[in-house]
Amino acid sequence: MAFQTVFKRYELKYLLTEQQKQRILQAMAPYMELDEYGRTTIRNIYFDTDTYRLVRHSIEKPAYKEKLRIRSYTQAEPGSTVFVELKKKYRHVVYKRRISLPEEEAMEWVLGEQHCPKDTQIAEEVDYFLEYYENLRPTVFLSYEREAYFTKEPSDFRVTFDDTILCRREDLSLESEVYGTPLLPESTVLMEIKCSGGIPMWMTHALSKERLYKTSFSKYGTAYQTMIFPTLTQEVSRHA
């Protein structure tokens, strides 16, 4: 199966109630349809330095930021296909590069235990990232339930709804079960609009009608601020 490996687009985020989601779905119905996978559970492992350099830089809202994760769309096994994803954002534009590998090979590569078995430009970019930041390690497991919708017209316009966003600092394996600390209040949904150009007029009207305004929400950043940083502060206090 061929997978898209390069993305360049805007990603606009909105926090919705479940009721608002249903009304947005009604507005979308004539123009969009659910993708072939339906509702899926996405699992991610984020990598960072011992000092959480990447996420700390990200939450400062710089003009340029980047992160590295391994993602699976099912509960993985050693031979399952997963994605090593290098994601960068520069002045509101998101650039994502990804390479598909068996889960075991992906983890060994990112942890520096072996070279990437694929000789590609994307592999070289990830290698540079790994060398630049040195000794990256898995820091969080982050999962969520996703529904993804695609436009019926020839366009890259896409809308996703994420809920049950869970995060944890232990059992950092894509082969594990889904559990963790919720990052959103109950019945709250994260909607993302992904597009390379403008938003269709019908969606603009729907957002205006629901009084929805884009927000800044990073799943990993929120996990750091609400779960990781408070724990680090407690650990420092205990050793002071």
Protein backbone atom coordinates (compact mmCIF):
# COMPACT_ATOMS: atom_id res chain seq x y z
CA MET A 1 0.00 0.00 0.00
CA ALA A 2 1.31 3.46 -0.93
CA PHE A 3 1.25 6.07 1.85
CA GLN A 4 1.54 9.82 1.51
CA THR A 5 4.94 10.82 2.87
CA VAL A 6 5.10 14.62 2.49
CA PHE A 7 2.55 17.15 3.74
CA LYS A 8 2.49 20.94 3.54
CA ARG A 9 -0.62 22.61 4.88
CA TYR A 10 -2.30 24.83 7.43
CA GLU A 11 -3.73 23.12 10.52
CA LEU A 12 -6.41 25.14 12.31
CA LYS A 13 -7.66 23.89 15.67
CA TYR A 14 -10.97 24.43 17.46
CA LEU A 15 -12.33 23.12 20.77
CA LEU A 16 -15.97 22.04 20.51
CA THR A 17 -18.68 20.60 22.70
CA GLU A 18 -20.22 17.34 21.53
CA GLN A 19 -23.36 19.27 20.54
CA GLN A 20 -21.35 21.71 18.42
CA LYS A 21 -19.61 18.78 16.74
CA GLN A 22 -22.95 17.31 15.71
CA ARG A 23 -24.09 20.61 14.21
CA ILE A 24 -20.79 21.00 12.34
CA LEU A 25 -21.22 17.47 10.99
CA GLN A 26 -24.67 18.44 9.72
CA ALA A 27 -23.16 21.40 7.89
CA MET A 28 -20.43 19.14 6.45
CA ALA A 29 -22.80 16.40 5.25
CA PRO A 30 -23.43 17.77 1.71
CA TYR A 31 -19.73 18.35 1.08
CA MET A 32 -17.67 15.77 3.00
CA GLU A 33 -17.62 12.09 3.88
CA LEU A 34 -15.99 9.93 6.51
CA ASP A 35 -12.80 8.27 5.32
CA GLU A 36 -12.60 4.52 4.73
CA TYR A 37 -11.17 3.80 8.20
CA GLY A 38 -14.09 5.27 10.12
CA ARG A 39 -13.35 5.91 13.78
CA THR A 40 -9.78 4.91 14.61
CA THR A 41 -7.56 4.87 17.69
CA ILE A 42 -4.30 6.66 16.99
CA ARG A 43 -1.29 5.89 19.16
CA ASN A 44 1.81 8.10 19.33
CA ILE A 45 5.13 8.00 21.12
CA TYR A 46 6.85 11.41 21.30
CA PHE A 47 10.60 11.71 21.60
CA ASP A 48 12.47 14.47 23.40
CA THR A 49 15.69 15.22 25.26
CA ASP A 50 16.25 14.62 28.97
CA THR A 51 15.41 18.29 29.58
CA TYR A 52 12.31 18.27 27.34
CA ARG A 53 13.99 20.77 25.05
CA LEU A 54 11.65 20.25 22.10
CA VAL A 55 8.35 20.66 23.92
CA ARG A 56 9.59 23.55 26.09
CA HIS A 57 10.61 25.41 22.95
CA SER A 58 7.29 24.60 21.29
CA ILE A 59 5.09 26.05 24.04
CA GLU A 60 6.96 29.36 23.79
CA LYS A 61 5.18 29.79 20.42
CA PRO A 62 8.29 30.45 18.30
CA ALA A 63 8.17 31.16 14.57
CA TYR A 64 9.78 27.76 13.97
CA LYS A 65 9.38 24.53 15.91
CA GLU A 66 9.77 20.82 15.27
CA LYS A 67 9.05 17.46 16.87
CA LEU A 68 9.52 13.76 16.27
CA ARG A 69 7.10 10.93 16.97
CA ILE A 70 6.27 7.39 15.97
CA ARG A 71 2.61 6.80 15.13
CA SER A 72 0.43 3.74 14.73
CA TYR A 73 -3.17 3.50 13.57
CA THR A 74 -3.72 0.14 15.31
CA GLN A 75 -2.32 -1.63 18.36
CA ALA A 76 1.08 -2.49 16.95
CA GLU A 77 3.03 -5.73 16.78
CA PRO A 78 6.79 -5.99 16.01
CA GLY A 79 6.09 -6.33 12.26
CA SER A 80 3.20 -3.86 12.06
CA THR A 81 3.56 -0.80 9.85
CA VAL A 82 4.08 2.40 11.83
CA PHE A 83 5.19 5.88 10.83
CA VAL A 84 8.24 7.81 11.94
CA GLU A 85 7.07 11.41 11.57
CA LEU A 86 9.15 14.57 11.56
CA LYS A 87 6.82 17.53 11.95
CA LYS A 88 7.86 21.15 11.56
CA LYS A 89 5.91 24.38 11.75
CA TYR A 90 7.12 27.68 10.34
CA ARG A 91 4.97 30.80 10.42
CA HIS A 92 1.69 28.85 10.70
CA VAL A 93 2.51 26.41 7.88
CA VAL A 94 2.95 22.77 8.89
CA TYR A 95 5.46 20.55 7.09
CA LYS A 96 5.28 16.85 7.85
CA ARG A 97 7.60 14.18 6.53
CA ARG A 98 7.05 10.55 7.36
CA ILE A 99 8.46 7.15 6.58
CA SER A 100 6.72 3.80 7.10
CA LEU A 101 8.58 0.95 8.79
CA PRO A 102 7.88 -2.18 10.83
CA GLU A 103 7.38 -1.13 14.46
CA GLU A 104 10.48 -2.87 15.79
CA GLU A 105 12.75 -1.33 13.12
CA ALA A 106 11.25 2.13 13.66
CA MET A 107 11.95 2.06 17.40
CA GLU A 108 15.48 0.71 16.96
CA TRP A 109 16.28 3.43 14.41
CA VAL A 110 15.00 6.35 16.47
CA LEU A 111 16.71 5.00 19.60
CA GLY A 112 20.03 4.84 17.71
CA GLU A 113 20.29 1.05 17.79
CA GLN A 114 20.40 0.63 14.00
CA HIS A 115 20.36 2.64 10.78
CA CYS A 116 17.17 3.22 8.86
CA PRO A 117 16.66 0.32 6.43
CA LYS A 118 15.33 2.77 3.82
CA ASP A 119 17.75 5.05 1.96
CA THR A 120 15.59 8.10 1.27
CA GLN A 121 15.68 11.87 1.60
CA ILE A 122 13.23 11.69 4.51
CA ALA A 123 15.43 9.16 6.31
CA GLU A 124 18.37 11.54 5.91
CA GLU A 125 16.32 14.39 7.40
CA VAL A 126 15.35 12.28 10.40
CA ASP A 127 18.98 11.16 10.83
CA TYR A 128 20.07 14.81 10.90
CA PHE A 129 17.37 15.56 13.50
CA LEU A 130 18.51 12.62 15.66
CA GLU A 131 22.14 13.66 15.42
CA TYR A 132 21.40 17.32 16.15
CA TYR A 133 19.39 16.70 19.32
CA GLU A 134 21.36 13.67 20.49
CA ASN A 135 20.12 10.85 22.70
CA LEU A 136 16.43 11.43 22.17
CA ARG A 137 14.25 9.17 24.27
CA PRO A 138 10.54 8.30 24.38
CA THR A 139 8.84 10.69 26.78
CA VAL A 140 5.08 10.23 26.46
CA PHE A 141 2.50 7.85 25.03
CA LEU A 142 -0.39 9.84 23.62
CA SER A 143 -3.55 8.33 22.13
CA TYR A 144 -6.93 9.54 20.91
CA GLU A 145 -10.01 8.51 18.99
CA ARG A 146 -10.21 10.14 15.55
CA GLU A 147 -12.83 10.59 12.86
CA ALA A 148 -11.41 11.99 9.61
CA TYR A 149 -13.50 13.53 6.83
CA PHE A 150 -12.51 14.26 3.24
CA THR A 151 -14.15 16.59 0.78
CA LYS A 152 -16.17 15.05 -2.05
CA GLU A 153 -14.62 17.53 -4.49
CA PRO A 154 -11.03 17.28 -5.82
CA SER A 155 -9.31 19.08 -2.95
CA ASP A 156 -6.99 18.42 -0.02
CA PHE A 157 -9.46 20.02 2.42
CA ARG A 158 -9.81 17.72 5.44
CA VAL A 159 -11.49 17.86 8.85
CA THR A 160 -10.70 15.63 11.82
CA PHE A 161 -12.36 15.24 15.19
CA ASP A 162 -10.29 13.93 18.12
CA ASP A 163 -11.66 12.95 21.50
CA THR A 164 -10.64 10.73 24.43
CA ILE A 165 -7.14 12.22 24.29
CA LEU A 166 -5.07 10.28 26.81
CA CYS A 167 -1.46 10.65 27.88
CA ARG A 168 0.95 8.74 30.10
CA ARG A 169 4.68 8.61 30.91
CA GLU A 170 5.01 4.86 31.48
CA ASP A 171 4.52 1.77 29.30
CA LEU A 172 5.81 3.69 26.26
CA SER A 173 5.06 1.12 23.58
CA LEU A 174 2.77 1.18 20.56
CA GLU A 175 2.08 -2.48 21.32
CA SER A 176 0.42 -1.62 24.63
CA GLU A 177 -3.22 -0.98 25.50
CA VAL A 178 -4.71 2.50 25.44
CA TYR A 179 -4.98 4.20 28.85
CA GLY A 180 -3.77 7.36 30.55
CA THR A 181 -4.69 10.78 31.90
CA PRO A 182 -7.34 12.71 29.91
CA LEU A 183 -6.12 15.99 28.42
CA LEU A 184 -9.56 17.43 27.63
CA PRO A 185 -12.68 17.87 29.75
CA GLU A 186 -15.36 15.25 29.25
CA SER A 187 -17.54 15.77 26.12
CA THR A 188 -14.95 18.16 24.62
CA VAL A 189 -13.74 17.52 21.07
CA LEU A 190 -10.70 18.85 19.24
CA MET A 191 -11.53 19.69 15.62
CA GLU A 192 -8.72 20.30 13.14
CA ILE A 193 -9.16 21.84 9.71
CA LYS A 194 -6.30 20.85 7.39
CA CYS A 195 -5.88 22.59 4.06
CA SER A 196 -3.27 24.10 1.78
CA GLY A 197 -5.46 27.04 0.80
CA GLY A 198 -8.57 28.81 2.04
CA ILE A 199 -11.49 27.39 4.02
CA PRO A 200 -14.66 26.78 1.96
CA MET A 201 -17.36 29.39 2.45
CA TRP A 202 -19.85 26.86 3.82
CA MET A 203 -17.41 25.93 6.60
CA THR A 204 -16.71 29.59 7.37
CA HIS A 205 -20.46 30.12 7.80
CA ALA A 206 -20.74 27.05 10.06
CA LEU A 207 -17.87 28.24 12.26
CA SER A 208 -19.38 31.71 12.50
CA LYS A 209 -22.83 30.35 13.36
CA GLU A 210 -21.38 28.28 16.21
CA ARG A 211 -19.12 31.14 17.31
CA LEU A 212 -16.06 28.90 17.01
CA TYR A 213 -12.66 30.53 16.91
CA LYS A 214 -9.34 28.86 16.25
CA THR A 215 -7.24 28.10 19.27
CA SER A 216 -3.68 27.06 20.00
CA PHE A 217 -3.71 23.49 21.27
CA SER A 218 -0.79 21.08 21.18
CA LYS A 219 -1.47 17.60 22.54
CA TYR A 220 2.15 17.05 23.55
CA GLY A 221 2.45 20.63 24.82
CA THR A 222 -0.67 20.23 26.93
CA ALA A 223 0.61 16.92 28.30
CA TYR A 224 3.85 18.63 29.33
CA GLN A 225 2.15 21.60 30.98
CA THR A 226 -0.55 19.65 32.83
CA MET A 227 1.19 16.39 33.69
CA ILE A 228 4.96 16.36 33.10
CA PHE A 229 6.04 19.82 34.34
CA PRO A 230 4.10 19.61 37.66
CA THR A 231 5.70 16.21 38.32
CA LEU A 232 9.17 17.56 37.54
CA THR A 233 8.55 20.48 39.91
CA GLN A 234 7.54 18.09 42.68
CA GLU A 235 10.65 16.00 42.12
CA VAL A 236 12.87 19.10 42.38
CA SER A 237 11.11 20.17 45.58
CA ARG A 238 11.65 16.76 47.17
CA HIS A 239 15.37 16.90 46.46
CA ALA A 240 15.82 20.55 47.49
